[in-house]
């Protein structure tokens, strides 16, 4: 594991955020074992915030527990990739349709700023780009989300980001994705809910199919 600096108190949320960031970035690799005792020693905290962080990350699908073996970073598989994008296509287009039709001037401004920053950053700065990419998609969905919906969206976003990161880092899928993002913003600006939902569904299909085509040989057999 990496050697992050000790964190200042209160640390519960910080430990969760740090571990999540390390998993999403690949610093903690798929299937890598996580030992709570090591985390306690490394971060200089009690078992309580570590336990809370692990519970949160398990609920988000980033950590899994195995009987008599303990916790590890969740693996990557084609079946999970297909499942998470199937969920996203079922959940997000109806939300973005309503969001586009009910968008406020402030929400539209947020979406435009996020899009402009995403384009300006580009994938040469992958971390910065993915942060802007996430902000853009959340800006399109950010309308009266209940806590359960927001939690589910966050979970599917976290899981899919691990695959998106691979795609943008290794396979240069950003050119076609850029066209999708421009079409999404245009439909959202027009307040056209049906078209925004259609463009988002098209975008999710593009990312999923591109990732499967490039990553299929890297997934374990039978996944």
C-alpha atoms as a PDB file:
ATOM      1  CA  UNK A   1       0.000   0.000   0.000  1.00  0.00           C
ATOM      2  CA  UNK A   2       1.039   3.615  -0.443  1.00  0.00           C
ATOM      3  CA  UNK A   3       2.229   5.722   2.455  1.00  0.00           C
ATOM      4  CA  UNK A   4      -0.250   8.578   2.821  1.00  0.00           C
ATOM      5  CA  UNK A   5       0.484  11.239   5.366  1.00  0.00           C
ATOM      6  CA  UNK A   6      -1.168  11.073   8.773  1.00  0.00           C
ATOM      7  CA  UNK A   7      -4.486  12.843   8.813  1.00  0.00           C
ATOM      8  CA  UNK A   8      -5.697  15.460  11.233  1.00  0.00           C
ATOM      9  CA  UNK A   9      -8.707  14.771  13.459  1.00  0.00           C
ATOM     10  CA  UNK A  10     -11.595  14.323  13.038  1.00  0.00           C
ATOM     11  CA  UNK A  11     -10.557  11.528  10.670  1.00  0.00           C
ATOM     12  CA  UNK A  12     -13.561   9.249  10.026  1.00  0.00           C
ATOM     13  CA  UNK A  13     -14.655  10.918   6.814  1.00  0.00           C
ATOM     14  CA  UNK A  14     -11.064  11.680   5.795  1.00  0.00           C
ATOM     15  CA  UNK A  15     -10.033   8.027   6.001  1.00  0.00           C
ATOM     16  CA  UNK A  16     -13.057   7.051   3.919  1.00  0.00           C
ATOM     17  CA  UNK A  17     -12.285   9.725   1.333  1.00  0.00           C
ATOM     18  CA  UNK A  18      -8.615   8.808   1.166  1.00  0.00           C
ATOM     19  CA  UNK A  19      -9.246   5.080   0.771  1.00  0.00           C
ATOM     20  CA  UNK A  20     -11.938   5.734  -1.826  1.00  0.00           C
ATOM     21  CA  UNK A  21      -9.570   7.954  -3.788  1.00  0.00           C
ATOM     22  CA  UNK A  22      -6.817   5.325  -3.660  1.00  0.00           C
ATOM     23  CA  UNK A  23      -9.174   2.615  -4.911  1.00  0.00           C
ATOM     24  CA  UNK A  24     -10.600   4.756  -7.712  1.00  0.00           C
ATOM     25  CA  UNK A  25      -7.139   5.876  -8.806  1.00  0.00           C
ATOM     26  CA  UNK A  26      -5.733   2.347  -8.767  1.00  0.00           C
ATOM     27  CA  UNK A  27      -3.225   3.062  -5.995  1.00  0.00           C
ATOM     28  CA  UNK A  28      -4.997   0.228  -4.215  1.00  0.00           C
ATOM     29  CA  UNK A  29      -5.393  -2.331  -6.969  1.00  0.00           C
ATOM     30  CA  UNK A  30      -8.285  -4.687  -7.638  1.00  0.00           C
ATOM     31  CA  UNK A  31      -8.293  -7.718  -5.303  1.00  0.00           C
ATOM     32  CA  UNK A  32      -5.600  -6.209  -3.046  1.00  0.00           C
ATOM     33  CA  UNK A  33      -6.018  -7.193   0.598  1.00  0.00           C
ATOM     34  CA  UNK A  34      -6.783  -4.465   3.130  1.00  0.00           C
ATOM     35  CA  UNK A  35      -5.663  -5.024   6.709  1.00  0.00           C
ATOM     36  CA  UNK A  36      -7.379  -2.782   9.288  1.00  0.00           C
ATOM     37  CA  UNK A  37      -4.443  -3.088  11.696  1.00  0.00           C
ATOM     38  CA  UNK A  38      -2.144  -1.620   9.055  1.00  0.00           C
ATOM     39  CA  UNK A  39      -4.550   1.269   8.518  1.00  0.00           C
ATOM     40  CA  UNK A  40      -4.767   1.951  12.258  1.00  0.00           C
ATOM     41  CA  UNK A  41      -0.982   2.124  12.494  1.00  0.00           C
ATOM     42  CA  UNK A  42      -0.571   4.117   9.295  1.00  0.00           C
ATOM     43  CA  UNK A  43      -3.187   6.780  10.014  1.00  0.00           C
ATOM     44  CA  UNK A  44      -2.697   6.912  13.778  1.00  0.00           C
ATOM     45  CA  UNK A  45      -6.398   6.443  14.466  1.00  0.00           C
ATOM     46  CA  UNK A  46      -8.554   4.020  16.434  1.00  0.00           C
ATOM     47  CA  UNK A  47     -10.338   1.040  14.910  1.00  0.00           C
ATOM     48  CA  UNK A  48     -13.653   2.924  14.936  1.00  0.00           C
ATOM     49  CA  UNK A  49     -13.093   5.318  11.977  1.00  0.00           C
ATOM     50  CA  UNK A  50     -11.362   2.521  10.067  1.00  0.00           C
ATOM     51  CA  UNK A  51     -14.335   0.236  10.623  1.00  0.00           C
ATOM     52  CA  UNK A  52     -16.732   3.013   9.559  1.00  0.00           C
ATOM     53  CA  UNK A  53     -14.693   3.707   6.433  1.00  0.00           C
ATOM     54  CA  UNK A  54     -14.597   0.042   5.466  1.00  0.00           C
ATOM     55  CA  UNK A  55     -18.349  -0.300   6.032  1.00  0.00           C
ATOM     56  CA  UNK A  56     -19.024   2.737   3.831  1.00  0.00           C
ATOM     57  CA  UNK A  57     -16.752   1.517   1.051  1.00  0.00           C
ATOM     58  CA  UNK A  58     -18.300  -1.960   1.188  1.00  0.00           C
ATOM     59  CA  UNK A  59     -21.749  -0.388   0.789  1.00  0.00           C
ATOM     60  CA  UNK A  60     -20.407   1.517  -2.226  1.00  0.00           C
ATOM     61  CA  UNK A  61     -19.186  -1.714  -3.810  1.00  0.00           C
ATOM     62  CA  UNK A  62     -15.509  -0.771  -3.624  1.00  0.00           C
ATOM     63  CA  UNK A  63     -14.565  -3.207  -0.841  1.00  0.00           C
ATOM     64  CA  UNK A  64     -15.684  -6.806  -0.360  1.00  0.00           C
ATOM     65  CA  UNK A  65     -15.390  -9.183   2.573  1.00  0.00           C
ATOM     66  CA  UNK A  66     -14.548 -12.864   2.259  1.00  0.00           C
ATOM     67  CA  UNK A  67     -15.159 -15.416   5.035  1.00  0.00           C
ATOM     68  CA  UNK A  68     -11.990 -16.083   7.058  1.00  0.00           C
ATOM     69  CA  UNK A  69      -9.957 -13.871   4.702  1.00  0.00           C
ATOM     70  CA  UNK A  70     -11.116 -10.365   5.562  1.00  0.00           C
ATOM     71  CA  UNK A  71     -11.450  -7.344   3.305  1.00  0.00           C
ATOM     72  CA  UNK A  72     -10.040  -6.640  -0.116  1.00  0.00           C
ATOM     73  CA  UNK A  73     -10.498  -4.120  -2.898  1.00  0.00           C
ATOM     74  CA  UNK A  74     -13.371  -5.232  -5.128  1.00  0.00           C
ATOM     75  CA  UNK A  75     -12.254  -6.831  -8.365  1.00  0.00           C
ATOM     76  CA  UNK A  76     -13.066  -5.701 -11.892  1.00  0.00           C
ATOM     77  CA  UNK A  77     -15.055  -7.865 -14.276  1.00  0.00           C
ATOM     78  CA  UNK A  78     -17.017  -7.635 -17.477  1.00  0.00           C
ATOM     79  CA  UNK A  79     -20.159  -8.801 -15.684  1.00  0.00           C
ATOM     80  CA  UNK A  80     -19.854  -5.960 -13.166  1.00  0.00           C
ATOM     81  CA  UNK A  81     -19.170  -3.439 -15.920  1.00  0.00           C
ATOM     82  CA  UNK A  82     -22.283  -4.572 -17.803  1.00  0.00           C
ATOM     83  CA  UNK A  83     -24.368  -4.574 -14.632  1.00  0.00           C
ATOM     84  CA  UNK A  84     -23.368  -1.088 -13.513  1.00  0.00           C
ATOM     85  CA  UNK A  85     -24.050   0.405 -16.948  1.00  0.00           C
ATOM     86  CA  UNK A  86     -27.372  -1.424 -17.161  1.00  0.00           C
ATOM     87  CA  UNK A  87     -28.282   0.192 -13.845  1.00  0.00           C
ATOM     88  CA  UNK A  88     -27.094   3.604 -14.958  1.00  0.00           C
ATOM     89  CA  UNK A  89     -29.160   3.423 -18.163  1.00  0.00           C
ATOM     90  CA  UNK A  90     -32.215   2.473 -16.126  1.00  0.00           C
ATOM     91  CA  UNK A  91     -31.776   5.176 -13.503  1.00  0.00           C
ATOM     92  CA  UNK A  92     -30.077   8.226 -14.994  1.00  0.00           C
ATOM     93  CA  UNK A  93     -31.987   9.038 -18.225  1.00  0.00           C
ATOM     94  CA  UNK A  94     -35.358   9.520 -16.441  1.00  0.00           C
ATOM     95  CA  UNK A  95     -33.663  11.705 -13.834  1.00  0.00           C
ATOM     96  CA  UNK A  96     -31.814  13.809 -16.403  1.00  0.00           C
ATOM     97  CA  UNK A  97     -35.056  14.208 -18.408  1.00  0.00           C
ATOM     98  CA  UNK A  98     -36.776  15.740 -15.400  1.00  0.00           C
ATOM     99  CA  UNK A  99     -33.656  17.733 -14.546  1.00  0.00           C
ATOM    100  CA  UNK A 100     -33.426  19.285 -18.020  1.00  0.00           C
ATOM    101  CA  UNK A 101     -37.099  20.236 -18.002  1.00  0.00           C
ATOM    102  CA  UNK A 102     -36.917  21.731 -14.497  1.00  0.00           C
ATOM    103  CA  UNK A 103     -33.386  23.197 -14.649  1.00  0.00           C
ATOM    104  CA  UNK A 104     -32.733  26.567 -13.086  1.00  0.00           C
ATOM    105  CA  UNK A 105     -30.459  29.274 -14.435  1.00  0.00           C
ATOM    106  CA  UNK A 106     -27.972  28.448 -11.681  1.00  0.00           C
ATOM    107  CA  UNK A 107     -27.943  24.745 -12.571  1.00  0.00           C
ATOM    108  CA  UNK A 108     -27.463  25.555 -16.258  1.00  0.00           C
ATOM    109  CA  UNK A 109     -24.565  27.843 -15.387  1.00  0.00           C
ATOM    110  CA  UNK A 110     -22.996  25.095 -13.256  1.00  0.00           C
ATOM    111  CA  UNK A 111     -23.295  22.588 -16.120  1.00  0.00           C
ATOM    112  CA  UNK A 112     -21.756  25.029 -18.605  1.00  0.00           C
ATOM    113  CA  UNK A 113     -18.854  25.831 -16.296  1.00  0.00           C
ATOM    114  CA  UNK A 114     -18.187  22.147 -15.610  1.00  0.00           C
ATOM    115  CA  UNK A 115     -18.258  21.371 -19.325  1.00  0.00           C
ATOM    116  CA  UNK A 116     -15.914  24.243 -20.187  1.00  0.00           C
ATOM    117  CA  UNK A 117     -13.470  23.219 -17.465  1.00  0.00           C
ATOM    118  CA  UNK A 118     -13.600  19.586 -18.619  1.00  0.00           C
ATOM    119  CA  UNK A 119     -12.753  20.610 -22.189  1.00  0.00           C
ATOM    120  CA  UNK A 120     -10.032  22.983 -21.026  1.00  0.00           C
ATOM    121  CA  UNK A 121      -8.421  20.375 -18.760  1.00  0.00           C
ATOM    122  CA  UNK A 122      -8.353  17.521 -21.249  1.00  0.00           C
ATOM    123  CA  UNK A 123      -7.202  13.980 -20.559  1.00  0.00           C
ATOM    124  CA  UNK A 124      -3.519  14.881 -20.416  1.00  0.00           C
ATOM    125  CA  UNK A 125      -4.377  15.692 -16.791  1.00  0.00           C
ATOM    126  CA  UNK A 126      -6.393  12.551 -16.124  1.00  0.00           C
ATOM    127  CA  UNK A 127      -7.145  13.273 -12.466  1.00  0.00           C
ATOM    128  CA  UNK A 128      -8.293  16.794 -13.230  1.00  0.00           C
ATOM    129  CA  UNK A 129     -10.318  15.648 -16.222  1.00  0.00           C
ATOM    130  CA  UNK A 130     -12.127  12.911 -14.301  1.00  0.00           C
ATOM    131  CA  UNK A 131     -12.977  15.371 -11.547  1.00  0.00           C
ATOM    132  CA  UNK A 132     -14.468  17.772 -14.118  1.00  0.00           C
ATOM    133  CA  UNK A 133     -16.177  14.877 -15.909  1.00  0.00           C
ATOM    134  CA  UNK A 134     -17.860  13.819 -12.666  1.00  0.00           C
ATOM    135  CA  UNK A 135     -18.894  17.416 -11.903  1.00  0.00           C
ATOM    136  CA  UNK A 136     -20.450  17.771 -15.358  1.00  0.00           C
ATOM    137  CA  UNK A 137     -22.552  14.629 -15.072  1.00  0.00           C
ATOM    138  CA  UNK A 138     -23.665  15.498 -11.532  1.00  0.00           C
ATOM    139  CA  UNK A 139     -24.641  18.992 -12.680  1.00  0.00           C
ATOM    140  CA  UNK A 140     -27.024  17.456 -15.218  1.00  0.00           C
ATOM    141  CA  UNK A 141     -28.617  15.210 -12.580  1.00  0.00           C
ATOM    142  CA  UNK A 142     -28.720  17.650  -9.691  1.00  0.00           C
ATOM    143  CA  UNK A 143     -32.401  18.277  -9.217  1.00  0.00           C
ATOM    144  CA  UNK A 144     -34.280  17.438  -6.005  1.00  0.00           C
ATOM    145  CA  UNK A 145     -32.527  14.109  -5.483  1.00  0.00           C
ATOM    146  CA  UNK A 146     -33.676  12.184  -2.433  1.00  0.00           C
ATOM    147  CA  UNK A 147     -31.045  10.602  -0.161  1.00  0.00           C
ATOM    148  CA  UNK A 148     -31.681   7.059  -1.454  1.00  0.00           C
ATOM    149  CA  UNK A 149     -31.436   8.136  -5.091  1.00  0.00           C
ATOM    150  CA  UNK A 150     -28.304  10.172  -4.420  1.00  0.00           C
ATOM    151  CA  UNK A 151     -26.695   7.239  -2.588  1.00  0.00           C
ATOM    152  CA  UNK A 152     -27.464   4.839  -5.427  1.00  0.00           C
ATOM    153  CA  UNK A 153     -26.154   7.279  -8.030  1.00  0.00           C
ATOM    154  CA  UNK A 154     -22.978   7.756  -6.003  1.00  0.00           C
ATOM    155  CA  UNK A 155     -22.436   4.012  -5.775  1.00  0.00           C
ATOM    156  CA  UNK A 156     -22.869   3.390  -9.497  1.00  0.00           C
ATOM    157  CA  UNK A 157     -20.714   6.441 -10.231  1.00  0.00           C
ATOM    158  CA  UNK A 158     -17.880   5.172  -8.033  1.00  0.00           C
ATOM    159  CA  UNK A 159     -17.928   1.711  -9.582  1.00  0.00           C
ATOM    160  CA  UNK A 160     -18.137   2.908 -13.176  1.00  0.00           C
ATOM    161  CA  UNK A 161     -15.349   5.457 -12.600  1.00  0.00           C
ATOM    162  CA  UNK A 162     -12.863   2.614 -12.158  1.00  0.00           C
ATOM    163  CA  UNK A 163     -13.664   1.402 -15.671  1.00  0.00           C
ATOM    164  CA  UNK A 164     -13.921   4.894 -17.167  1.00  0.00           C
ATOM    165  CA  UNK A 165     -10.465   5.662 -15.790  1.00  0.00           C
ATOM    166  CA  UNK A 166      -9.035   2.651 -17.633  1.00  0.00           C
ATOM    167  CA  UNK A 167     -10.747   3.671 -20.842  1.00  0.00           C
ATOM    168  CA  UNK A 168      -9.597   7.276 -20.825  1.00  0.00           C
ATOM    169  CA  UNK A 169      -6.084   6.396 -19.644  1.00  0.00           C
ATOM    170  CA  UNK A 170      -5.358   3.544 -22.024  1.00  0.00           C
ATOM    171  CA  UNK A 171      -7.689   3.686 -25.022  1.00  0.00           C
ATOM    172  CA  UNK A 172      -8.199   7.366 -25.816  1.00  0.00           C
ATOM    173  CA  UNK A 173     -11.991   7.186 -25.922  1.00  0.00           C
ATOM    174  CA  UNK A 174     -12.223  10.881 -25.095  1.00  0.00           C
ATOM    175  CA  UNK A 175     -12.713  12.084 -28.702  1.00  0.00           C
ATOM    176  CA  UNK A 176     -16.076  10.358 -29.217  1.00  0.00           C
ATOM    177  CA  UNK A 177     -17.044  11.006 -25.596  1.00  0.00           C
ATOM    178  CA  UNK A 178     -16.397  14.718 -26.174  1.00  0.00           C
ATOM    179  CA  UNK A 179     -19.001  14.730 -28.965  1.00  0.00           C
ATOM    180  CA  UNK A 180     -21.476  13.084 -26.597  1.00  0.00           C
ATOM    181  CA  UNK A 181     -20.829  15.641 -23.866  1.00  0.00           C
ATOM    182  CA  UNK A 182     -21.365  18.516 -26.301  1.00  0.00           C
ATOM    183  CA  UNK A 183     -24.662  17.000 -27.483  1.00  0.00           C
ATOM    184  CA  UNK A 184     -25.731  16.427 -23.873  1.00  0.00           C
ATOM    185  CA  UNK A 185     -25.061  20.026 -22.917  1.00  0.00           C
ATOM    186  CA  UNK A 186     -26.846  21.335 -26.014  1.00  0.00           C
ATOM    187  CA  UNK A 187     -29.997  19.342 -25.224  1.00  0.00           C
ATOM    188  CA  UNK A 188     -29.815  20.398 -21.584  1.00  0.00           C
ATOM    189  CA  UNK A 189     -29.435  24.065 -22.560  1.00  0.00           C
ATOM    190  CA  UNK A 190     -32.562  23.759 -24.704  1.00  0.00           C
ATOM    191  CA  UNK A 191     -34.475  22.293 -21.769  1.00  0.00           C
ATOM    192  CA  UNK A 192     -35.341  19.317 -23.982  1.00  0.00           C
ATOM    193  CA  UNK A 193     -35.783  16.483 -21.506  1.00  0.00           C
ATOM    194  CA  UNK A 194     -36.457  13.763 -24.074  1.00  0.00           C
ATOM    195  CA  UNK A 195     -33.379  14.618 -26.122  1.00  0.00           C
ATOM    196  CA  UNK A 196     -31.166  14.972 -23.044  1.00  0.00           C
ATOM    197  CA  UNK A 197     -32.249  11.524 -21.848  1.00  0.00           C
ATOM    198  CA  UNK A 198     -31.640  10.083 -25.323  1.00  0.00           C
ATOM    199  CA  UNK A 199     -28.161  11.622 -25.536  1.00  0.00           C
ATOM    200  CA  UNK A 200     -27.245  10.357 -22.078  1.00  0.00           C
ATOM    201  CA  UNK A 201     -28.434   6.847 -22.915  1.00  0.00           C
ATOM    202  CA  UNK A 202     -26.399   6.962 -26.135  1.00  0.00           C
ATOM    203  CA  UNK A 203     -23.342   8.161 -24.217  1.00  0.00           C
ATOM    204  CA  UNK A 204     -23.591   5.374 -21.631  1.00  0.00           C
ATOM    205  CA  UNK A 205     -23.901   2.779 -24.404  1.00  0.00           C
ATOM    206  CA  UNK A 206     -20.813   4.212 -26.112  1.00  0.00           C
ATOM    207  CA  UNK A 207     -18.672   4.080 -22.991  1.00  0.00           C
ATOM    208  CA  UNK A 208     -19.797   0.575 -22.054  1.00  0.00           C
ATOM    209  CA  UNK A 209     -19.287  -0.921 -25.517  1.00  0.00           C
ATOM    210  CA  UNK A 210     -15.908   0.767 -25.947  1.00  0.00           C
ATOM    211  CA  UNK A 211     -14.672  -0.440 -22.586  1.00  0.00           C
ATOM    212  CA  UNK A 212     -15.840  -3.995 -23.205  1.00  0.00           C
ATOM    213  CA  UNK A 213     -14.159  -4.068 -26.610  1.00  0.00           C
ATOM    214  CA  UNK A 214     -10.834  -2.934 -25.157  1.00  0.00           C
ATOM    215  CA  UNK A 215     -10.879  -4.622 -21.758  1.00  0.00           C
ATOM    216  CA  UNK A 216     -12.506  -7.960 -22.554  1.00  0.00           C
ATOM    217  CA  UNK A 217      -9.170  -9.810 -22.769  1.00  0.00           C
ATOM    218  CA  UNK A 218      -8.088  -8.360 -19.398  1.00  0.00           C
ATOM    219  CA  UNK A 219     -11.052  -9.704 -17.445  1.00  0.00           C
ATOM    220  CA  UNK A 220     -10.817 -13.075 -15.700  1.00  0.00           C
ATOM    221  CA  UNK A 221     -12.400 -15.921 -17.666  1.00  0.00           C
ATOM    222  CA  UNK A 222     -15.988 -16.591 -16.667  1.00  0.00           C
ATOM    223  CA  UNK A 223     -16.391 -13.039 -15.339  1.00  0.00           C
END
